[in-house]
Amino acid sequence: MSAILETVTFNDEGFLTDPNAWSRELAEAIAAQEGIELTEKHWEIIEFCRQKGLESGAAPTLRQITKGTGISTKELFSLFPKGPAKKVAKIAGLGKPEGCV
């Protein structure tokens, strides 16, 4: 486990408990744990989600991400396999999106 992951607190489902503790370095460590190597496209989505999440107090849904970024659902699934809204929220340091199981 990356040393940076040990400096912050996560809930039982692996979501960061304090969104203010988030950093790009932490995002990279969480992504690596999820088996994802972050590219510019990933960062575009992560930054969109962080902005929306911090404005509204809730992680954006899959639909909000696709509409807001113009990235198709299919592409989101290829970037963040097996539940993109949940994975990107986790990597972006936000809570679990509503409607995610």
C-alpha atoms as a PDB file:
ATOM      1  CA  MET A   1       0.000   0.000   0.000  1.00  0.00           C
ATOM      2  CA  SER A   2       1.215   3.482  -0.877  1.00  0.00           C
ATOM      3  CA  ALA A   3       2.416   5.538   2.102  1.00  0.00           C
ATOM      4  CA  ILE A   4       0.111   8.427   1.147  1.00  0.00           C
ATOM      5  CA  LEU A   5      -2.933   6.158   1.553  1.00  0.00           C
ATOM      6  CA  GLU A   6      -1.960   5.650   5.190  1.00  0.00           C
ATOM      7  CA  THR A   7      -2.072   9.406   5.901  1.00  0.00           C
ATOM      8  CA  VAL A   8      -5.827   9.785   5.250  1.00  0.00           C
ATOM      9  CA  THR A   9      -9.030   8.154   6.514  1.00  0.00           C
ATOM     10  CA  PHE A  10     -11.426   6.118   4.389  1.00  0.00           C
ATOM     11  CA  ASN A  11     -14.900   4.811   5.249  1.00  0.00           C
ATOM     12  CA  ASP A  12     -15.877   1.106   5.130  1.00  0.00           C
ATOM     13  CA  GLU A  13     -16.496   1.315   1.372  1.00  0.00           C
ATOM     14  CA  GLY A  14     -13.136   2.927   0.601  1.00  0.00           C
ATOM     15  CA  PHE A  15     -14.310   6.520   0.123  1.00  0.00           C
ATOM     16  CA  LEU A  16     -12.262   9.390   1.553  1.00  0.00           C
ATOM     17  CA  THR A  17     -13.927  10.741   4.713  1.00  0.00           C
ATOM     18  CA  ASP A  18     -12.559  14.290   4.243  1.00  0.00           C
ATOM     19  CA  PRO A  19     -12.678  15.640   0.660  1.00  0.00           C
ATOM     20  CA  ASN A  20     -10.256  18.416   1.718  1.00  0.00           C
ATOM     21  CA  ALA A  21      -7.532  15.808   2.350  1.00  0.00           C
ATOM     22  CA  TRP A  22      -7.551  15.007  -1.397  1.00  0.00           C
ATOM     23  CA  SER A  23      -4.556  15.676  -3.635  1.00  0.00           C
ATOM     24  CA  ARG A  24      -3.490  14.607  -7.131  1.00  0.00           C
ATOM     25  CA  GLU A  25      -0.887  12.337  -5.536  1.00  0.00           C
ATOM     26  CA  LEU A  26      -3.572  10.693  -3.411  1.00  0.00           C
ATOM     27  CA  ALA A  27      -5.790  10.294  -6.488  1.00  0.00           C
ATOM     28  CA  GLU A  28      -2.965   8.510  -8.286  1.00  0.00           C
ATOM     29  CA  ALA A  29      -2.476   6.152  -5.318  1.00  0.00           C
ATOM     30  CA  ILE A  30      -6.219   5.354  -5.122  1.00  0.00           C
ATOM     31  CA  ALA A  31      -6.370   4.820  -8.892  1.00  0.00           C
ATOM     32  CA  ALA A  32      -3.358   2.485  -8.749  1.00  0.00           C
ATOM     33  CA  GLN A  33      -5.124   0.502  -6.033  1.00  0.00           C
ATOM     34  CA  GLU A  34      -8.112   0.235  -8.416  1.00  0.00           C
ATOM     35  CA  GLY A  35      -5.808  -0.907 -11.231  1.00  0.00           C
ATOM     36  CA  ILE A  36      -6.111   2.349 -13.192  1.00  0.00           C
ATOM     37  CA  GLU A  37      -3.228   4.390 -14.575  1.00  0.00           C
ATOM     38  CA  LEU A  38      -4.440   7.979 -14.902  1.00  0.00           C
ATOM     39  CA  THR A  39      -4.219   9.734 -18.280  1.00  0.00           C
ATOM     40  CA  GLU A  40      -5.185  13.302 -19.271  1.00  0.00           C
ATOM     41  CA  LYS A  41      -8.690  12.009 -20.124  1.00  0.00           C
ATOM     42  CA  HIS A  42      -9.019  10.555 -16.604  1.00  0.00           C
ATOM     43  CA  TRP A  43      -7.911  13.877 -15.081  1.00  0.00           C
ATOM     44  CA  GLU A  44     -10.469  15.793 -17.155  1.00  0.00           C
ATOM     45  CA  ILE A  45     -13.236  13.630 -15.665  1.00  0.00           C
ATOM     46  CA  ILE A  46     -11.783  13.683 -12.132  1.00  0.00           C
ATOM     47  CA  GLU A  47     -11.476  17.485 -12.149  1.00  0.00           C
ATOM     48  CA  PHE A  48     -15.034  17.864 -13.476  1.00  0.00           C
ATOM     49  CA  CYS A  49     -16.339  15.536 -10.733  1.00  0.00           C
ATOM     50  CA  ARG A  50     -14.380  17.309  -7.985  1.00  0.00           C
ATOM     51  CA  GLN A  51     -15.698  20.690  -9.072  1.00  0.00           C
ATOM     52  CA  LYS A  52     -19.305  19.462  -9.276  1.00  0.00           C
ATOM     53  CA  GLY A  53     -19.009  17.446  -6.064  1.00  0.00           C
ATOM     54  CA  LEU A  54     -17.597  20.307  -4.037  1.00  0.00           C
ATOM     55  CA  GLU A  55     -20.221  22.730  -5.432  1.00  0.00           C
ATOM     56  CA  SER A  56     -23.202  20.472  -4.746  1.00  0.00           C
ATOM     57  CA  GLY A  57     -21.934  18.444  -1.800  1.00  0.00           C
ATOM     58  CA  ALA A  58     -22.613  15.184  -3.684  1.00  0.00           C
ATOM     59  CA  ALA A  59     -20.635  13.158  -6.196  1.00  0.00           C
ATOM     60  CA  PRO A  60     -22.068  13.505  -9.712  1.00  0.00           C
ATOM     61  CA  THR A  61     -24.054  10.643 -11.207  1.00  0.00           C
ATOM     62  CA  LEU A  62     -23.005   8.804 -14.360  1.00  0.00           C
ATOM     63  CA  ARG A  63     -25.496  10.852 -16.379  1.00  0.00           C
ATOM     64  CA  GLN A  64     -24.191  14.146 -14.973  1.00  0.00           C
ATOM     65  CA  ILE A  65     -20.622  13.092 -15.824  1.00  0.00           C
ATOM     66  CA  THR A  66     -21.454  12.147 -19.424  1.00  0.00           C
ATOM     67  CA  LYS A  67     -23.506  15.331 -19.988  1.00  0.00           C
ATOM     68  CA  GLY A  68     -20.963  17.603 -18.283  1.00  0.00           C
ATOM     69  CA  THR A  69     -17.845  16.206 -19.947  1.00  0.00           C
ATOM     70  CA  GLY A  70     -19.264  15.116 -23.306  1.00  0.00           C
ATOM     71  CA  ILE A  71     -17.639  11.705 -22.787  1.00  0.00           C
ATOM     72  CA  SER A  72     -19.817   8.736 -23.708  1.00  0.00           C
ATOM     73  CA  THR A  73     -20.917   6.135 -21.170  1.00  0.00           C
ATOM     74  CA  LYS A  74     -19.019   3.526 -23.179  1.00  0.00           C
ATOM     75  CA  GLU A  75     -15.792   5.547 -22.938  1.00  0.00           C
ATOM     76  CA  LEU A  76     -16.332   6.143 -19.210  1.00  0.00           C
ATOM     77  CA  PHE A  77     -16.621   2.387 -18.691  1.00  0.00           C
ATOM     78  CA  SER A  78     -13.368   1.861 -20.603  1.00  0.00           C
ATOM     79  CA  LEU A  79     -11.576   4.516 -18.495  1.00  0.00           C
ATOM     80  CA  PHE A  80     -13.111   3.483 -15.165  1.00  0.00           C
ATOM     81  CA  PRO A  81     -14.182  -0.193 -15.533  1.00  0.00           C
ATOM     82  CA  LYS A  82     -16.949  -1.783 -13.436  1.00  0.00           C
ATOM     83  CA  GLY A  83     -18.868   1.218 -12.131  1.00  0.00           C
ATOM     84  CA  PRO A  84     -17.339   4.444 -13.459  1.00  0.00           C
ATOM     85  CA  ALA A  85     -19.367   6.895 -11.336  1.00  0.00           C
ATOM     86  CA  LYS A  86     -18.390   5.083  -8.146  1.00  0.00           C
ATOM     87  CA  LYS A  87     -14.720   4.666  -9.176  1.00  0.00           C
ATOM     88  CA  VAL A  88     -14.248   8.253 -10.294  1.00  0.00           C
ATOM     89  CA  ALA A  89     -15.921   9.514  -7.081  1.00  0.00           C
ATOM     90  CA  LYS A  90     -13.529   7.386  -5.038  1.00  0.00           C
ATOM     91  CA  ILE A  91     -10.470   8.618  -6.980  1.00  0.00           C
ATOM     92  CA  ALA A  92     -11.742  12.235  -6.877  1.00  0.00           C
ATOM     93  CA  GLY A  93     -12.029  12.049  -3.077  1.00  0.00           C
ATOM     94  CA  LEU A  94     -15.801  12.444  -3.053  1.00  0.00           C
ATOM     95  CA  GLY A  95     -18.495  10.394  -1.340  1.00  0.00           C
ATOM     96  CA  LYS A  96     -20.373   7.552  -2.987  1.00  0.00           C
ATOM     97  CA  PRO A  97     -22.699   8.852  -5.736  1.00  0.00           C
ATOM     98  CA  GLU A  98     -26.428   8.566  -5.044  1.00  0.00           C
ATOM     99  CA  GLY A  99     -28.027   5.589  -6.706  1.00  0.00           C
ATOM    100  CA  CYS A 100     -24.833   3.503  -6.615  1.00  0.00           C
ATOM    101  CA  VAL A 101     -25.154   0.113  -5.008  1.00  0.00           C
END
